[in-house]
Amino acid sequence: MATLKKEELKKLQKTLKTDAAIGKKYGISRQAVHQLRVKYGVQPVANKSLERDQKILGLYKQGKTGQGIAKMVKLSVSQVYRILKKRTSKRK
């Protein structure tokens, strides 16, 4: 496993945001970065999901279908519907 220090991991989270991006930079898996975060007690970046969910909700309100949104944001259709269900009471 990479030898990332706690402070370095926190700094990387501010710029790269995701465990996958940090892992790619250091040649390790997303899971390895996750394990380091757990070990150091570093919380994940919560805003990335909220921003993504708001984008999905906005596209939905514009009349896009779940399938169309999934292609645009590169998620599975079921994941898009899960997000819509969490954020609204309807789906198309």
Protein backbone atom coordinates (compact mmCIF):
# COMPACT_ATOMS: atom_id res chain seq x y z
CA MET A 1 0.00 0.00 0.00
CA ALA A 2 1.20 3.51 -0.74
CA THR A 3 2.73 5.51 2.06
CA LEU A 4 0.42 8.49 2.12
CA LYS A 5 0.42 10.53 5.30
CA LYS A 6 -2.82 11.77 6.84
CA GLU A 7 -2.19 15.44 5.99
CA GLU A 8 -1.15 14.57 2.44
CA LEU A 9 -4.35 12.56 1.97
CA LYS A 10 -6.47 15.48 3.22
CA LYS A 11 -4.69 17.85 0.83
CA LEU A 12 -5.20 15.49 -2.11
CA GLN A 13 -8.90 15.22 -1.31
CA LYS A 14 -9.26 18.97 -1.73
CA THR A 15 -7.78 18.90 -5.23
CA LEU A 16 -8.61 15.46 -6.65
CA LYS A 17 -11.89 14.90 -4.72
CA THR A 18 -12.32 11.13 -5.24
CA ASP A 19 -10.54 8.06 -3.90
CA ALA A 20 -10.31 6.77 -7.47
CA ALA A 21 -8.50 9.90 -8.68
CA ILE A 22 -6.07 9.78 -5.76
CA GLY A 23 -5.45 6.08 -6.38
CA LYS A 24 -4.80 6.68 -10.07
CA LYS A 25 -2.22 9.36 -9.26
CA TYR A 26 -0.34 7.00 -6.92
CA GLY A 27 -0.88 3.78 -8.88
CA ILE A 28 -3.05 2.15 -6.22
CA SER A 29 -6.68 1.08 -6.16
CA ARG A 30 -9.62 3.15 -5.00
CA GLN A 31 -10.13 0.58 -2.25
CA ALA A 32 -6.58 1.09 -0.97
CA VAL A 33 -7.20 4.84 -0.70
CA HIS A 34 -10.48 4.11 1.09
CA GLN A 35 -8.64 1.88 3.58
CA LEU A 36 -6.13 4.66 4.24
CA ARG A 37 -8.96 7.13 4.84
CA VAL A 38 -10.56 4.73 7.33
CA LYS A 39 -7.20 4.12 9.03
CA TYR A 40 -6.54 7.86 9.42
CA GLY A 41 -10.15 8.76 10.22
CA VAL A 42 -10.46 11.05 7.19
CA GLN A 43 -14.04 11.56 6.02
CA PRO A 44 -14.91 11.30 2.30
CA VAL A 45 -15.70 14.41 0.31
CA ALA A 46 -19.49 14.67 0.65
CA ASN A 47 -20.04 17.44 -1.89
CA LYS A 48 -19.20 15.34 -4.94
CA SER A 49 -22.34 13.22 -4.55
CA LEU A 50 -24.53 16.20 -3.77
CA GLU A 51 -23.29 18.08 -6.86
CA ARG A 52 -23.84 15.01 -9.04
CA ASP A 53 -27.32 14.43 -7.58
CA GLN A 54 -28.29 18.06 -8.17
CA LYS A 55 -27.17 17.79 -11.80
CA ILE A 56 -29.26 14.63 -12.24
CA LEU A 57 -32.27 16.27 -10.60
CA GLY A 58 -31.87 19.34 -12.84
CA LEU A 59 -31.77 17.19 -15.97
CA TYR A 60 -34.84 15.32 -14.76
CA LYS A 61 -36.71 18.59 -14.21
CA GLN A 62 -35.79 19.59 -17.79
CA GLY A 63 -37.73 16.54 -18.95
CA LYS A 64 -34.87 14.12 -19.60
CA THR A 65 -35.55 10.42 -19.05
CA GLY A 66 -33.65 8.24 -16.61
CA GLN A 67 -32.00 6.45 -19.50
CA GLY A 68 -30.95 9.71 -21.14
CA ILE A 69 -29.58 11.07 -17.88
CA ALA A 70 -27.63 7.86 -17.27
CA LYS A 71 -25.82 8.27 -20.59
CA MET A 72 -25.04 11.94 -19.88
CA VAL A 73 -23.59 11.42 -16.40
CA LYS A 74 -22.08 7.99 -17.10
CA LEU A 75 -23.99 6.08 -14.44
CA SER A 76 -26.22 3.04 -14.70
CA VAL A 77 -29.92 3.61 -15.25
CA SER A 78 -30.70 1.94 -11.92
CA GLN A 79 -28.30 4.28 -10.10
CA VAL A 80 -29.97 7.31 -11.70
CA TYR A 81 -33.38 6.04 -10.61
CA ARG A 82 -32.06 5.42 -7.10
CA ILE A 83 -30.87 9.03 -6.92
CA LEU A 84 -34.15 10.34 -8.32
CA LYS A 85 -36.11 8.27 -5.81
CA LYS A 86 -34.01 9.69 -3.00
CA ARG A 87 -34.43 13.28 -4.23
CA THR A 88 -38.02 13.18 -5.57
CA SER A 89 -41.15 11.11 -5.31
CA LYS A 90 -41.56 10.56 -9.08
CA ARG A 91 -39.60 9.21 -12.00
CA LYS A 92 -40.03 9.11 -15.79
